[in-house]
Amino acid sequence: RYGKHQIIGRSRAIRDMLALVDRAGPSRATVLITGESGTGKELVARAIHFSSPRSQEPFVSVNCMALNPGVLESELFGYAGGAFTGANAKGRIGKFELAHRGVLFLDEVGTMPLYLQVKLLRVLQERTFTRLGSNRLIEVDIRIIAATNEDLAEAVRQGRFREDLFYRLNVIPLRVPPLRERHGDVELLATHFLARYSARF
């Protein structure tokens, strides 16, 4: 369902990108996917996961822009019982633990606040973290794939994104081309979606 064969296109731009997906898949390295909104960054991330040794393990996705910073922190790291008002008394595991042995996909990572960037950097360096309200270190074996439609290098220059985190994420840079650069793919995509929605409706 999520292999690279689900990415429709024969243009040079898409073939070059898929060749990089093939190379990135077997690696353990962190991948930073860039591209405009709507170009299919999560589909590319899933294709990398599908072609990796972790393909049978979880793929856990978090949209960093969709959650306010306080909620995002507890979503990522989980929390101990009674960590804050309204917290579940038994606590809750976070996305890092859910993604153990698999992949954690951080969409719109450029919107992550600076204090959370520090915590993410520590996980990337140490592969350990603590839940909110707890002192117990938890070890995780995860691969991070991040995505953004921002120019993170410019965000670094503006002081909105940590330079050390940028280089930790940008080990394998992968750009998803917009449709206007994918010459010849419009007809393929139109035919694909026409067949899909004709069958459905």
Protein backbone atom coordinates (compact mmCIF):
# COMPACT_ATOMS: atom_id res chain seq x y z
CA ARG A 1 0.00 0.00 0.00
CA TYR A 2 2.83 2.41 0.76
CA GLY A 3 5.68 1.27 -1.50
CA LYS A 4 7.29 3.57 -4.02
CA HIS A 5 5.07 2.01 -6.72
CA GLN A 6 2.27 4.15 -5.23
CA ILE A 7 4.11 7.28 -6.37
CA ILE A 8 2.82 7.93 -9.88
CA GLY A 9 5.20 9.46 -12.41
CA ARG A 10 7.77 8.87 -15.13
CA SER A 11 9.35 12.32 -15.34
CA ARG A 12 13.08 12.75 -14.83
CA ALA A 13 12.44 14.70 -11.61
CA ILE A 14 10.38 11.90 -10.06
CA ARG A 15 12.77 9.17 -11.26
CA ASP A 16 15.71 10.97 -9.65
CA MET A 17 13.75 11.29 -6.41
CA LEU A 18 12.75 7.59 -6.42
CA ALA A 19 16.38 6.60 -6.97
CA LEU A 20 17.21 8.47 -3.77
CA VAL A 21 14.32 6.73 -1.97
CA ASP A 22 15.93 3.39 -2.98
CA ARG A 23 19.25 4.51 -1.52
CA ALA A 24 17.77 6.00 1.66
CA GLY A 25 15.54 3.03 2.48
CA PRO A 26 18.15 0.50 3.66
CA SER A 27 20.08 3.17 5.60
CA ARG A 28 19.66 3.92 9.31
CA ALA A 29 20.35 7.62 8.69
CA THR A 30 17.91 10.42 9.37
CA VAL A 31 16.12 11.84 6.32
CA LEU A 32 14.91 15.41 5.80
CA ILE A 33 12.21 15.64 3.13
CA THR A 34 11.56 19.10 1.73
CA GLY A 35 8.91 20.25 -0.69
CA GLU A 36 5.92 22.50 -1.12
CA SER A 37 2.58 21.74 0.52
CA GLY A 38 0.68 19.00 -1.28
CA THR A 39 3.67 17.42 -3.02
CA GLY A 40 3.31 14.12 -1.13
CA LYS A 41 6.06 14.26 1.49
CA GLU A 42 4.39 11.71 3.79
CA LEU A 43 3.90 9.32 0.87
CA VAL A 44 7.63 9.55 0.19
CA ALA A 45 8.41 8.99 3.88
CA ARG A 46 6.23 5.87 3.87
CA ALA A 47 7.98 4.62 0.72
CA ILE A 48 11.35 4.97 2.50
CA HIS A 49 9.99 3.04 5.48
CA PHE A 50 8.49 0.38 3.19
CA SER A 51 11.87 -0.23 1.53
CA SER A 52 13.80 -0.37 4.81
CA PRO A 53 14.67 -3.21 7.20
CA ARG A 54 12.13 -1.63 9.58
CA SER A 55 9.22 -2.10 7.16
CA GLN A 56 7.45 -4.56 9.47
CA GLU A 57 7.78 -2.20 12.44
CA PRO A 58 5.59 0.84 13.24
CA PHE A 59 5.44 4.00 11.16
CA VAL A 60 4.23 6.73 13.52
CA SER A 61 3.34 10.15 12.12
CA VAL A 62 3.12 13.45 14.01
CA ASN A 63 2.15 16.79 12.47
CA CYS A 64 4.11 19.31 14.53
CA MET A 65 2.05 22.25 13.23
CA ALA A 66 -1.34 20.74 14.13
CA LEU A 67 -0.69 20.69 17.90
CA ASN A 68 0.05 23.51 20.30
CA PRO A 69 3.51 23.24 21.95
CA GLY A 70 2.30 21.85 25.28
CA VAL A 71 0.24 19.13 23.65
CA LEU A 72 3.03 18.35 21.16
CA GLU A 73 5.51 17.76 23.98
CA SER A 74 3.25 15.25 25.74
CA GLU A 75 2.36 13.62 22.39
CA LEU A 76 6.03 13.06 21.59
CA PHE A 77 7.43 12.14 24.98
CA GLY A 78 4.40 10.91 26.91
CA TYR A 79 3.87 11.71 30.56
CA ALA A 80 3.89 10.14 34.00
CA GLY A 81 0.71 9.87 36.06
CA GLY A 82 -0.26 13.21 37.61
CA ALA A 83 2.32 15.14 35.54
CA PHE A 84 -0.13 18.00 35.01
CA THR A 85 -3.75 18.94 35.67
CA GLY A 86 -6.04 16.66 33.70
CA ALA A 87 -3.34 14.06 33.08
CA ASN A 88 -4.34 10.41 33.09
CA ALA A 89 -3.54 8.98 36.52
CA LYS A 90 -1.76 6.03 34.92
CA GLY A 91 0.28 8.22 32.59
CA ARG A 92 0.58 7.80 28.84
CA ILE A 93 3.25 6.69 26.40
CA GLY A 94 4.32 9.08 23.66
CA LYS A 95 5.04 8.73 19.97
CA PHE A 96 8.71 7.98 20.54
CA GLU A 97 7.80 4.85 22.48
CA LEU A 98 5.11 3.90 19.98
CA ALA A 99 7.69 4.09 17.19
CA HIS A 100 10.22 1.87 19.00
CA ARG A 101 12.13 -0.24 16.42
CA GLY A 102 10.29 1.61 13.63
CA VAL A 103 10.08 5.11 12.16
CA LEU A 104 8.86 8.37 13.64
CA PHE A 105 7.76 10.81 10.94
CA LEU A 106 7.84 14.45 12.05
CA ASP A 107 5.82 16.48 9.56
CA GLU A 108 6.21 20.27 9.49
CA VAL A 109 9.22 19.98 11.80
CA GLY A 110 10.12 23.63 11.10
CA THR A 111 7.23 24.77 13.29
CA MET A 112 8.57 23.01 16.39
CA PRO A 113 9.36 25.50 19.20
CA LEU A 114 13.00 25.95 20.20
CA TYR A 115 12.72 24.30 23.62
CA LEU A 116 11.31 21.14 22.01
CA GLN A 117 14.04 21.24 19.38
CA VAL A 118 16.54 20.85 22.24
CA LYS A 119 14.73 17.76 23.51
CA LEU A 120 14.51 16.28 20.02
CA LEU A 121 18.23 16.85 19.51
CA ARG A 122 18.96 14.94 22.71
CA VAL A 123 16.89 11.97 21.55
CA LEU A 124 18.74 11.96 18.22
CA GLN A 125 22.09 12.04 20.02
CA GLU A 126 21.42 9.72 22.95
CA ARG A 127 18.41 7.65 21.84
CA THR A 128 17.03 8.25 25.32
CA PHE A 129 14.38 10.56 26.81
CA THR A 130 12.17 10.98 29.86
CA ARG A 131 8.41 11.28 30.01
CA LEU A 132 6.98 14.55 31.33
CA GLY A 133 6.92 14.45 35.11
CA SER A 134 9.33 11.50 35.31
CA ASN A 135 13.07 11.06 35.89
CA ARG A 136 13.29 7.57 34.39
CA LEU A 137 15.34 7.36 31.22
CA ILE A 138 13.68 5.40 28.41
CA GLU A 139 15.79 3.98 25.58
CA VAL A 140 14.37 3.83 22.06
CA ASP A 141 15.55 2.37 18.77
CA ILE A 142 13.96 4.61 16.15
CA ARG A 143 14.68 6.18 12.82
CA ILE A 144 13.59 9.78 12.34
CA ILE A 145 12.21 11.04 9.03
CA ALA A 146 11.35 14.73 9.12
CA ALA A 147 9.54 16.88 6.56
CA THR A 148 9.05 20.58 6.02
CA ASN A 149 7.84 23.04 3.41
CA GLU A 150 10.08 25.71 4.94
CA ASP A 151 13.66 26.67 4.06
CA LEU A 152 15.25 25.42 7.29
CA ALA A 153 18.65 26.90 6.42
CA GLU A 154 16.97 30.33 6.31
CA ALA A 155 15.13 29.54 9.57
CA VAL A 156 18.55 28.79 11.13
CA ARG A 157 19.86 32.18 9.95
CA GLN A 158 16.80 33.86 11.48
CA GLY A 159 17.30 32.05 14.80
CA ARG A 160 14.02 30.13 14.55
CA PHE A 161 15.63 26.70 14.14
CA ARG A 162 18.68 25.24 15.84
CA GLU A 163 21.67 24.80 13.56
CA ASP A 164 22.85 21.63 15.33
CA LEU A 165 19.40 20.05 14.95
CA PHE A 166 19.24 21.05 11.29
CA TYR A 167 22.46 19.16 10.55
CA ARG A 168 21.30 16.16 12.60
CA LEU A 169 18.11 15.96 10.54
CA ASN A 170 19.65 16.79 7.17
CA VAL A 171 21.83 13.67 6.90
CA ILE A 172 19.98 12.50 3.78
CA PRO A 173 18.27 15.50 2.14
CA LEU A 174 15.45 14.59 -0.23
CA ARG A 175 13.43 17.14 -2.17
CA VAL A 176 9.98 16.28 -3.53
CA PRO A 177 9.47 18.15 -6.83
CA PRO A 178 6.24 20.10 -7.39
CA LEU A 179 4.00 19.01 -10.25
CA ARG A 180 5.09 21.95 -12.43
CA GLU A 181 8.59 20.39 -12.57
CA ARG A 182 7.29 16.91 -13.38
CA HIS A 183 6.92 17.24 -17.13
CA GLY A 184 4.67 14.55 -18.59
CA ASP A 185 3.25 13.34 -15.26
CA VAL A 186 -0.03 15.27 -15.33
CA GLU A 187 -1.63 12.87 -17.83
CA LEU A 188 -0.49 9.84 -15.81
CA LEU A 189 -1.91 11.29 -12.60
CA ALA A 190 -5.19 12.28 -14.27
CA THR A 191 -5.63 8.76 -15.66
CA HIS A 192 -4.80 7.22 -12.28
CA PHE A 193 -7.30 9.32 -10.33
CA LEU A 194 -9.98 8.97 -13.01
CA ALA A 195 -9.76 5.17 -12.73
CA ARG A 196 -9.74 5.27 -8.91
CA TYR A 197 -12.77 7.54 -8.52
CA SER A 198 -14.71 5.93 -11.34
CA ALA A 199 -14.38 2.61 -9.54
CA ARG A 200 -15.31 4.15 -6.20
CA PHE A 201 -18.34 6.14 -7.34
